[in-house]
Protein backbone atom coordinates (compact mmCIF):
# COMPACT_ATOMS: atom_id res chain seq x y z
CA UNK A 1 6.44 -25.42 -0.36
CA UNK A 2 5.04 -26.44 -3.72
CA UNK A 3 1.28 -26.08 -3.93
CA UNK A 4 -0.37 -29.35 -4.83
CA UNK A 5 -2.26 -29.21 -8.13
CA UNK A 6 -5.98 -29.76 -7.65
CA UNK A 7 -7.09 -32.95 -9.34
CA UNK A 8 -10.05 -32.72 -11.72
CA UNK A 9 -13.11 -34.55 -10.52
CA UNK A 10 -14.20 -35.15 -14.12
CA UNK A 11 -13.48 -38.63 -15.48
CA UNK A 12 -11.25 -39.05 -18.52
CA UNK A 13 -14.00 -40.25 -20.87
CA UNK A 14 -16.01 -37.12 -20.14
CA UNK A 15 -13.06 -34.83 -20.94
CA UNK A 16 -12.58 -36.74 -24.17
CA UNK A 17 -16.24 -36.25 -25.02
CA UNK A 18 -15.90 -32.49 -24.47
CA UNK A 19 -12.88 -32.42 -26.71
CA UNK A 20 -14.73 -34.19 -29.51
CA UNK A 21 -18.04 -32.38 -29.33
CA UNK A 22 -17.38 -28.82 -28.20
CA UNK A 23 -15.78 -27.44 -31.40
CA UNK A 24 -19.06 -27.76 -33.29
CA UNK A 25 -21.15 -24.59 -33.33
CA UNK A 26 -24.23 -23.15 -34.97
CA UNK A 27 -26.47 -26.20 -34.57
CA UNK A 28 -30.07 -25.10 -34.18
CA UNK A 29 -33.01 -27.43 -33.72
CA UNK A 30 -32.33 -31.13 -33.31
CA UNK A 31 -36.00 -32.12 -33.48
CA UNK A 32 -37.17 -34.02 -36.53
CA UNK A 33 -40.76 -35.14 -37.09
CA UNK A 34 -42.04 -37.38 -39.88
CA UNK A 35 -45.66 -37.90 -40.87
CA UNK A 36 -46.76 -40.45 -43.45
CA UNK A 37 -50.21 -40.36 -45.02
CA UNK A 38 -51.40 -43.91 -45.57
CA UNK A 39 -53.93 -44.20 -48.39
CA UNK A 40 -55.32 -47.36 -46.90
CA UNK A 41 -58.80 -47.59 -45.41
CA UNK A 42 -58.94 -48.90 -41.84
CA UNK A 43 -60.82 -48.47 -38.59
CA UNK A 44 -59.14 -46.29 -35.95
CA UNK A 45 -57.92 -49.30 -33.98
CA UNK A 46 -56.66 -51.03 -37.14
CA UNK A 47 -54.83 -47.86 -38.18
CA UNK A 48 -53.27 -47.53 -34.74
CA UNK A 49 -52.12 -51.16 -34.81
CA UNK A 50 -50.68 -50.71 -38.31
CA UNK A 51 -48.60 -47.68 -37.27
CA UNK A 52 -47.40 -49.36 -34.07
CA UNK A 53 -46.39 -52.55 -35.89
CA UNK A 54 -44.37 -50.58 -38.41
CA UNK A 55 -40.59 -50.86 -38.20
CA UNK A 56 -40.36 -47.13 -38.89
CA UNK A 57 -43.34 -45.25 -37.47
CA UNK A 58 -44.37 -45.10 -33.82
CA UNK A 59 -48.11 -44.47 -33.73
CA UNK A 60 -51.06 -42.63 -35.23
CA UNK A 61 -50.35 -38.96 -35.83
CA UNK A 62 -49.62 -36.82 -32.79
CA UNK A 63 -50.27 -33.16 -33.71
CA UNK A 64 -48.65 -30.61 -31.43
CA UNK A 65 -49.33 -27.36 -33.29
CA UNK A 66 -50.62 -25.77 -36.49
CA UNK A 67 -47.23 -26.19 -38.18
CA UNK A 68 -47.63 -29.96 -37.95
CA UNK A 69 -51.06 -29.74 -39.54
CA UNK A 70 -50.08 -27.27 -42.27
CA UNK A 71 -47.32 -29.64 -43.36
CA UNK A 72 -49.69 -32.57 -43.96
CA UNK A 73 -50.49 -33.40 -47.59
CA UNK A 74 -53.70 -35.44 -47.44
CA UNK A 75 -55.17 -34.82 -50.90
CA UNK A 76 -54.72 -38.26 -52.43
CA UNK A 77 -57.62 -40.70 -52.46
CA UNK A 78 -58.84 -43.76 -54.33
CA UNK A 79 -62.50 -44.16 -55.26
CA UNK A 80 -64.49 -46.94 -56.87
CA UNK A 81 -65.98 -46.20 -60.28
CA UNK A 82 -68.60 -48.15 -62.24
CA UNK A 83 -66.18 -50.31 -64.22
CA UNK A 84 -65.72 -54.04 -63.65
CA UNK A 85 -65.17 -57.40 -65.31
CA UNK A 86 -66.00 -60.98 -64.47
CA UNK A 87 -63.62 -63.89 -64.96
CA UNK A 88 -64.91 -64.74 -68.44
CA UNK A 89 -66.05 -61.32 -69.59
CA UNK A 90 -64.48 -58.07 -70.73
CA UNK A 91 -64.31 -54.77 -68.88
CA UNK A 92 -67.60 -52.91 -69.06
CA UNK A 93 -69.42 -50.04 -67.37
CA UNK A 94 -72.37 -50.51 -65.04
CA UNK A 95 -74.80 -49.56 -67.84
CA UNK A 96 -73.46 -52.47 -69.91
CA UNK A 97 -71.46 -50.35 -72.33
CA UNK A 98 -68.00 -51.45 -73.44
CA UNK A 99 -64.86 -49.82 -72.15
CA UNK A 100 -63.90 -47.71 -75.15
CA UNK A 101 -62.23 -45.00 -73.05
CA UNK A 102 -58.98 -46.65 -71.99
CA UNK A 103 -57.31 -44.81 -69.11
CA UNK A 104 -55.31 -47.41 -67.23
CA UNK A 105 -52.30 -46.28 -65.23
CA UNK A 106 -49.05 -47.17 -67.03
CA UNK A 107 -47.98 -49.27 -64.04
CA UNK A 108 -51.19 -51.32 -64.05
CA UNK A 109 -51.53 -54.35 -66.30
CA UNK A 110 -55.24 -55.07 -66.92
CA UNK A 111 -54.47 -58.76 -67.50
CA UNK A 112 -52.63 -59.18 -64.19
CA UNK A 113 -55.71 -60.18 -62.18
CA UNK A 114 -57.34 -62.54 -64.68
CA UNK A 115 -57.10 -65.53 -62.34
CA UNK A 116 -58.69 -63.95 -59.27
CA UNK A 117 -62.28 -63.76 -60.52
CA UNK A 118 -64.23 -60.52 -60.53
CA UNK A 119 -62.10 -57.40 -60.81
CA UNK A 120 -63.26 -53.83 -60.22
CA UNK A 121 -61.78 -50.45 -61.11
CA UNK A 122 -61.00 -47.42 -59.01
CA UNK A 123 -59.71 -43.97 -59.90
CA UNK A 124 -56.77 -42.36 -58.14
CA UNK A 125 -56.91 -38.61 -57.57
CA UNK A 126 -53.20 -37.80 -57.83
CA UNK A 127 -52.59 -39.22 -61.31
CA UNK A 128 -56.26 -39.37 -62.40
CA UNK A 129 -55.69 -42.87 -63.75
CA UNK A 130 -57.68 -46.12 -63.45
CA UNK A 131 -56.50 -49.20 -61.58
CA UNK A 132 -58.04 -52.64 -61.14
CA UNK A 133 -58.17 -54.74 -57.99
CA UNK A 134 -60.25 -57.39 -56.26
CA UNK A 135 -63.77 -56.09 -55.66
CA UNK A 136 -63.72 -56.93 -51.96
CA UNK A 137 -61.31 -54.14 -51.07
CA UNK A 138 -62.76 -51.01 -49.52
CA UNK A 139 -62.45 -47.49 -50.95
CA UNK A 140 -64.38 -44.27 -51.11
CA UNK A 141 -66.54 -44.14 -54.24
CA UNK A 142 -68.13 -41.88 -56.82
CA UNK A 143 -71.80 -42.10 -57.77
CA UNK A 144 -73.52 -40.42 -60.69
CA UNK A 145 -76.97 -39.19 -61.52
CA UNK A 146 -78.35 -37.95 -64.83
CA UNK A 147 -79.61 -34.38 -64.78
CA UNK A 148 -80.99 -33.18 -68.14
CA UNK A 149 -78.98 -35.93 -69.86
CA UNK A 150 -75.77 -34.72 -68.21
CA UNK A 151 -73.68 -36.66 -65.73
CA UNK A 152 -73.53 -35.19 -62.24
CA UNK A 153 -71.02 -36.83 -59.90
CA UNK A 154 -71.27 -37.31 -56.14
CA UNK A 155 -68.22 -38.24 -54.07
CA UNK A 156 -69.02 -40.46 -51.07
CA UNK A 157 -66.41 -40.50 -48.29
CA UNK A 158 -67.56 -43.82 -46.90
CA UNK A 159 -65.34 -46.85 -47.29
CA UNK A 160 -67.17 -49.77 -48.94
CA UNK A 161 -66.56 -52.77 -51.17
CA UNK A 162 -67.40 -52.28 -54.85
CA UNK A 163 -70.73 -54.13 -54.62
CA UNK A 164 -71.77 -52.28 -51.45
CA UNK A 165 -70.80 -49.00 -53.08
CA UNK A 166 -72.89 -49.84 -56.14
CA UNK A 167 -75.85 -50.74 -53.94
CA UNK A 168 -75.52 -47.38 -52.18
CA UNK A 169 -75.37 -45.48 -55.47
CA UNK A 170 -78.31 -47.25 -57.09
CA UNK A 171 -80.45 -46.63 -54.01
CA UNK A 172 -79.80 -42.89 -53.81
CA UNK A 173 -78.65 -41.93 -57.32
CA UNK A 174 -78.29 -43.77 -60.64
CA UNK A 175 -75.20 -45.94 -60.17
CA UNK A 176 -71.46 -45.95 -59.69
CA UNK A 177 -69.74 -43.36 -61.87
CA UNK A 178 -69.43 -43.86 -65.61
CA UNK A 179 -66.34 -41.97 -66.75
CA UNK A 180 -65.77 -42.52 -70.47
CA UNK A 181 -64.09 -39.32 -71.60
CA UNK A 182 -61.48 -36.80 -70.50
CA UNK A 183 -64.09 -34.10 -69.74
CA UNK A 184 -66.01 -36.52 -67.52
CA UNK A 185 -62.78 -37.57 -65.80
CA UNK A 186 -61.89 -33.94 -65.09
CA UNK A 187 -65.32 -33.24 -63.62
CA UNK A 188 -65.50 -36.37 -61.45
CA UNK A 189 -62.03 -37.02 -60.02
CA UNK A 190 -61.51 -33.68 -58.31
CA UNK A 191 -60.19 -32.42 -54.92
CA UNK A 192 -62.37 -33.63 -52.05
CA UNK A 193 -62.50 -32.84 -48.33
CA UNK A 194 -62.65 -36.21 -46.56
CA UNK A 195 -61.78 -37.49 -43.05
CA UNK A 196 -58.35 -38.90 -42.20
CA UNK A 197 -57.66 -40.60 -38.88
CA UNK A 198 -55.38 -38.92 -36.32
CA UNK A 199 -54.21 -40.28 -32.96
CA UNK A 200 -56.71 -38.22 -30.93
CA UNK A 201 -59.53 -40.04 -29.15
CA UNK A 202 -61.94 -39.58 -26.27
CA UNK A 203 -61.58 -41.76 -23.17
CA UNK A 204 -64.67 -41.14 -21.07
CA UNK A 205 -64.81 -37.36 -20.98
CA UNK A 206 -61.08 -36.85 -21.53
CA UNK A 207 -59.33 -36.20 -24.85
CA UNK A 208 -56.10 -38.15 -25.25
CA UNK A 209 -53.53 -38.80 -27.96
CA UNK A 210 -52.50 -42.32 -28.86
CA UNK A 211 -49.01 -41.16 -27.89
CA UNK A 212 -47.81 -37.89 -26.38
CA UNK A 213 -49.53 -34.96 -24.69
CA UNK A 214 -50.84 -31.97 -26.65
CA UNK A 215 -53.61 -29.41 -26.26
CA UNK A 216 -53.83 -28.85 -30.03
CA UNK A 217 -57.44 -28.89 -31.27
CA UNK A 218 -58.93 -27.34 -34.40
CA UNK A 219 -62.55 -28.40 -34.35
CA UNK A 220 -64.86 -27.99 -37.33
CA UNK A 221 -68.11 -26.08 -36.68
CA UNK A 222 -70.46 -27.91 -34.26
CA UNK A 223 -67.66 -30.24 -33.17
CA UNK A 224 -66.76 -32.23 -31.16
CA UNK A 225 -69.88 -34.28 -31.65
CA UNK A 226 -71.34 -37.24 -29.80
CA UNK A 227 -71.34 -39.60 -32.79
CA UNK A 228 -68.05 -41.25 -31.87
CA UNK A 229 -64.90 -41.11 -29.76
CA UNK A 230 -62.17 -41.08 -32.43
CA UNK A 231 -60.97 -37.96 -34.21
CA UNK A 232 -60.28 -37.44 -37.90
CA UNK A 233 -58.96 -34.38 -39.67
CA UNK A 234 -60.41 -33.17 -42.96
CA UNK A 235 -58.02 -33.54 -45.87
CA UNK A 236 -58.40 -29.98 -47.21
CA UNK A 237 -59.82 -27.76 -44.46
CA UNK A 238 -57.64 -29.51 -41.83
CA UNK A 239 -60.38 -29.17 -39.21
CA UNK A 240 -61.20 -31.94 -36.74
CA UNK A 241 -64.34 -34.03 -36.36
CA UNK A 242 -65.42 -36.94 -34.18
CA UNK A 243 -66.35 -40.20 -35.87
CA UNK A 244 -67.25 -43.72 -34.85
CA UNK A 245 -64.00 -45.59 -34.32
CA UNK A 246 -65.34 -48.49 -36.41
CA UNK A 247 -65.59 -46.63 -39.73
CA UNK A 248 -62.73 -46.93 -42.20
CA UNK A 249 -60.68 -43.92 -43.30
CA UNK A 250 -57.15 -43.32 -44.53
CA UNK A 251 -54.79 -42.33 -41.72
CA UNK A 252 -51.51 -40.68 -40.80
CA UNK A 253 -48.62 -42.45 -39.08
CA UNK A 254 -46.01 -40.51 -37.16
CA UNK A 255 -42.52 -40.66 -35.71
CA UNK A 256 -39.97 -38.27 -34.24
CA UNK A 257 -36.31 -38.59 -33.31
CA UNK A 258 -36.72 -38.20 -29.54
CA UNK A 259 -36.42 -41.04 -27.05
CA UNK A 260 -37.59 -40.51 -23.47
CA UNK A 261 -35.74 -43.05 -21.32
CA UNK A 262 -37.68 -43.84 -18.16
CA UNK A 263 -34.64 -45.15 -16.30
CA UNK A 264 -33.30 -43.13 -13.35
CA UNK A 265 -29.64 -42.25 -13.87
CA UNK A 266 -27.11 -39.56 -13.05
CA UNK A 267 -26.30 -37.06 -15.80
CA UNK A 268 -23.11 -38.86 -16.86
CA UNK A 269 -24.79 -42.27 -16.74
CA UNK A 270 -27.56 -40.86 -18.93
CA UNK A 271 -25.01 -39.47 -21.39
CA UNK A 272 -23.30 -42.86 -21.69
CA UNK A 273 -26.63 -44.66 -21.99
CA UNK A 274 -27.69 -42.49 -24.92
CA UNK A 275 -24.35 -43.04 -26.68
CA UNK A 276 -24.59 -46.82 -26.35
CA UNK A 277 -28.31 -47.18 -27.03
CA UNK A 278 -29.38 -47.51 -30.68
CA UNK A 279 -33.05 -48.49 -31.05
CA UNK A 280 -34.18 -49.91 -34.36
CA UNK A 281 -34.29 -47.29 -37.16
CA UNK A 282 -33.16 -44.51 -34.84
CA UNK A 283 -29.38 -44.67 -35.18
CA UNK A 284 -26.90 -43.44 -32.54
CA UNK A 285 -28.33 -41.25 -29.79
CA UNK A 286 -27.10 -38.51 -27.50
CA UNK A 287 -28.60 -36.35 -24.78
CA UNK A 288 -30.95 -33.82 -26.34
CA UNK A 289 -30.36 -30.11 -26.74
CA UNK A 290 -33.34 -27.77 -27.03
CA UNK A 291 -34.08 -24.28 -28.34
CA UNK A 292 -36.69 -21.94 -26.83
CA UNK A 293 -40.11 -21.74 -28.45
CA UNK A 294 -41.88 -24.48 -30.42
CA UNK A 295 -39.10 -27.04 -29.98
CA UNK A 296 -39.08 -26.51 -26.21
CA UNK A 297 -42.87 -26.83 -26.04
CA UNK A 298 -42.82 -30.03 -28.09
CA UNK A 299 -40.11 -31.61 -25.97
CA UNK A 300 -42.09 -30.69 -22.86
CA UNK A 301 -44.94 -32.85 -24.19
CA UNK A 302 -42.48 -35.75 -23.97
CA UNK A 303 -41.14 -34.70 -20.57
CA UNK A 304 -44.63 -34.76 -19.06
CA UNK A 305 -44.70 -38.53 -19.70
CA UNK A 306 -41.60 -39.09 -17.53
CA UNK A 307 -41.67 -40.94 -14.23
CA UNK A 308 -39.49 -38.30 -12.54
CA UNK A 309 -40.33 -34.64 -11.91
CA UNK A 310 -37.29 -33.55 -13.90
CA UNK A 311 -35.57 -34.92 -17.00
CA UNK A 312 -31.90 -34.63 -17.96
CA UNK A 313 -30.85 -32.80 -21.12
CA UNK A 314 -27.42 -32.49 -22.75
CA UNK A 315 -26.76 -29.16 -20.98
CA UNK A 316 -23.53 -28.86 -18.95
CA UNK A 317 -21.65 -26.09 -17.09
CA UNK A 318 -17.86 -26.19 -17.28
CA UNK A 319 -15.03 -23.62 -17.20
CA UNK A 320 -17.46 -20.79 -16.57
CA UNK A 321 -19.85 -21.57 -19.42
CA UNK A 322 -23.12 -23.37 -20.03
CA UNK A 323 -23.01 -25.36 -23.27
CA UNK A 324 -24.72 -28.21 -25.08
CA UNK A 325 -22.58 -31.31 -25.44
CA UNK A 326 -23.61 -31.60 -29.12
CA UNK A 327 -22.39 -28.06 -29.85
CA UNK A 328 -25.86 -26.57 -30.36
CA UNK A 329 -26.52 -22.85 -29.99
CA UNK A 330 -26.93 -21.77 -26.37
CA UNK A 331 -30.09 -19.63 -26.38
CA UNK A 332 -31.13 -19.71 -22.72
CA UNK A 333 -29.85 -16.51 -21.07
CA UNK A 334 -31.47 -16.93 -17.65
CA UNK A 335 -29.37 -19.83 -16.38
CA UNK A 336 -27.19 -18.96 -13.35
CA UNK A 337 -23.84 -17.52 -14.44
CA UNK A 338 -22.14 -18.97 -11.39
CA UNK A 339 -24.10 -22.04 -10.25
CA UNK A 340 -23.26 -23.74 -6.98
CA UNK A 341 -20.58 -26.42 -7.55
CA UNK A 342 -22.93 -29.39 -7.54
CA UNK A 343 -25.53 -27.90 -9.90
CA UNK A 344 -23.64 -28.05 -13.18
CA UNK A 345 -26.12 -30.07 -15.27
CA UNK A 346 -29.31 -28.93 -16.98
CA UNK A 347 -32.74 -30.52 -16.70
CA UNK A 348 -36.29 -30.02 -17.90
CA UNK A 349 -38.83 -29.52 -15.12
CA UNK A 350 -42.44 -30.66 -15.35
CA UNK A 351 -43.31 -27.28 -13.86
CA UNK A 352 -42.68 -25.98 -17.43
CA UNK A 353 -41.08 -22.69 -16.43
CA UNK A 354 -40.09 -21.95 -20.03
CA UNK A 355 -36.43 -22.49 -19.25
CA UNK A 356 -34.12 -25.18 -17.90
CA UNK A 357 -33.03 -25.86 -14.34
CA UNK A 358 -29.47 -26.19 -13.00
CA UNK A 359 -29.29 -29.41 -11.01
CA UNK A 360 -26.83 -31.64 -9.16
CA UNK A 361 -25.26 -33.94 -11.78
CA UNK A 362 -25.37 -36.87 -9.36
CA UNK A 363 -29.16 -36.72 -9.05
CA UNK A 364 -30.94 -39.60 -10.74
CA UNK A 365 -33.61 -38.72 -13.28
CA UNK A 366 -35.22 -39.87 -16.51
CA UNK A 367 -33.57 -38.35 -19.57
CA UNK A 368 -34.24 -37.32 -23.14
CA UNK A 369 -32.09 -38.58 -26.01
CA UNK A 370 -32.31 -37.78 -29.71
CA UNK A 371 -31.06 -39.46 -32.87
CA UNK A 372 -29.60 -37.85 -35.98
CA UNK A 373 -31.49 -39.49 -38.81
C-alpha cells in the first residue's frame, strides 16, 4: 500500500516568501536612527510640535544610550551682534561707527531685506560669517565690555530679540558685540556650551521621554534641578540639565526605522501586514530581526510600549533551523533546537530575558516591523 504523502500545512505564499528571502546572508543590524539638530530657537512644547508635524521626523530626540549622544553634533549656533540698519540708513555698529569690516556670508545679499524695515545682523559659528534678518527673531547673543581699552566678549545663551538682547547687554556690560576685524571675530565667535532641547521631561515626579522608554541620564553636576521640568543637553559637554519649558533653545528631532504595530495578529498575518503597510517616508516594511546587545535593548524600549505582553519578530523555525525571514545573521544560541510543533515563531517578551521566546504562530500579538531606508 502506497504511503500517503503528508501535506504541508504552510500556505503557498509563505513558501514563496522563504524562497525569496532565505538566500540572503550576513545581514547584521537592521536598526537605523536619525537625529537632526535644528538651529531654531523654540520653547520645549514648540520644538516638540515642530518635530511631530514634520513629514520626516517623529518627535523630540529620544536618547537610549551614550552612543546616541556621542553621535550628536550640536556645535552650530547663531548669535546677535551689535550691527543693524534702519529702513533709510546704512549698516552701522551700536557705537555709531560705520560698517567698514564687511564680512557677509556669500549666500546673503545685504540688499534683500530693504523693504522690511529695521534689519539686524547675527553671526553664525560654523562659517563665522554675518547674516541679516528681521530684528524680531530670537537668537542667542554676544555682549562686549571694554577692559583696558580691549574688547572682552560674553556669550549669552538666552534667546532674545535684537532689541531685548541689546537692552540686556547695556544693562550688564557695554553693548552688543562690535566685531570689526578678523582678530575680534576669532575671539568672539568661538565654541560655546549651550543648552539644546531633548525629548526628556518631568511629569510630576516621573521622568518620561516624549516618545519611547529609556533609562539614559547623564546629569550635569547638581542636576536635576527644580527650576523646570524639561531637559536640555549641553552642546559640548553633552550633560543634561533641567530648564523651564518656556525658554527658547535649539533642539534635536529624531526618527528611527521601527514601527510597532499595536494590532493583534497571528505571526503570518503580521508578516503580511508589514509587507503591505508603507507609512509615509518609511518605505516597504517587514517583520524585524534583532541582534543581541544594544540593538536588542533599543528594540525592547519599543516593545515595552506594546499592548500585548509579547511582540512578534521575523524569527521562524522551519526544516530544523531557526532563521530570520530577512536573511539576517542568527545570533541567538539559546533557542530550543527542537521546539514543540506549535511554537515555531519568535517573539519579544516584556519580561526582557535577553533572548527571544518560541511561541505558537497562531497566537495573536502586537508586532515590530522595520523599513529599509
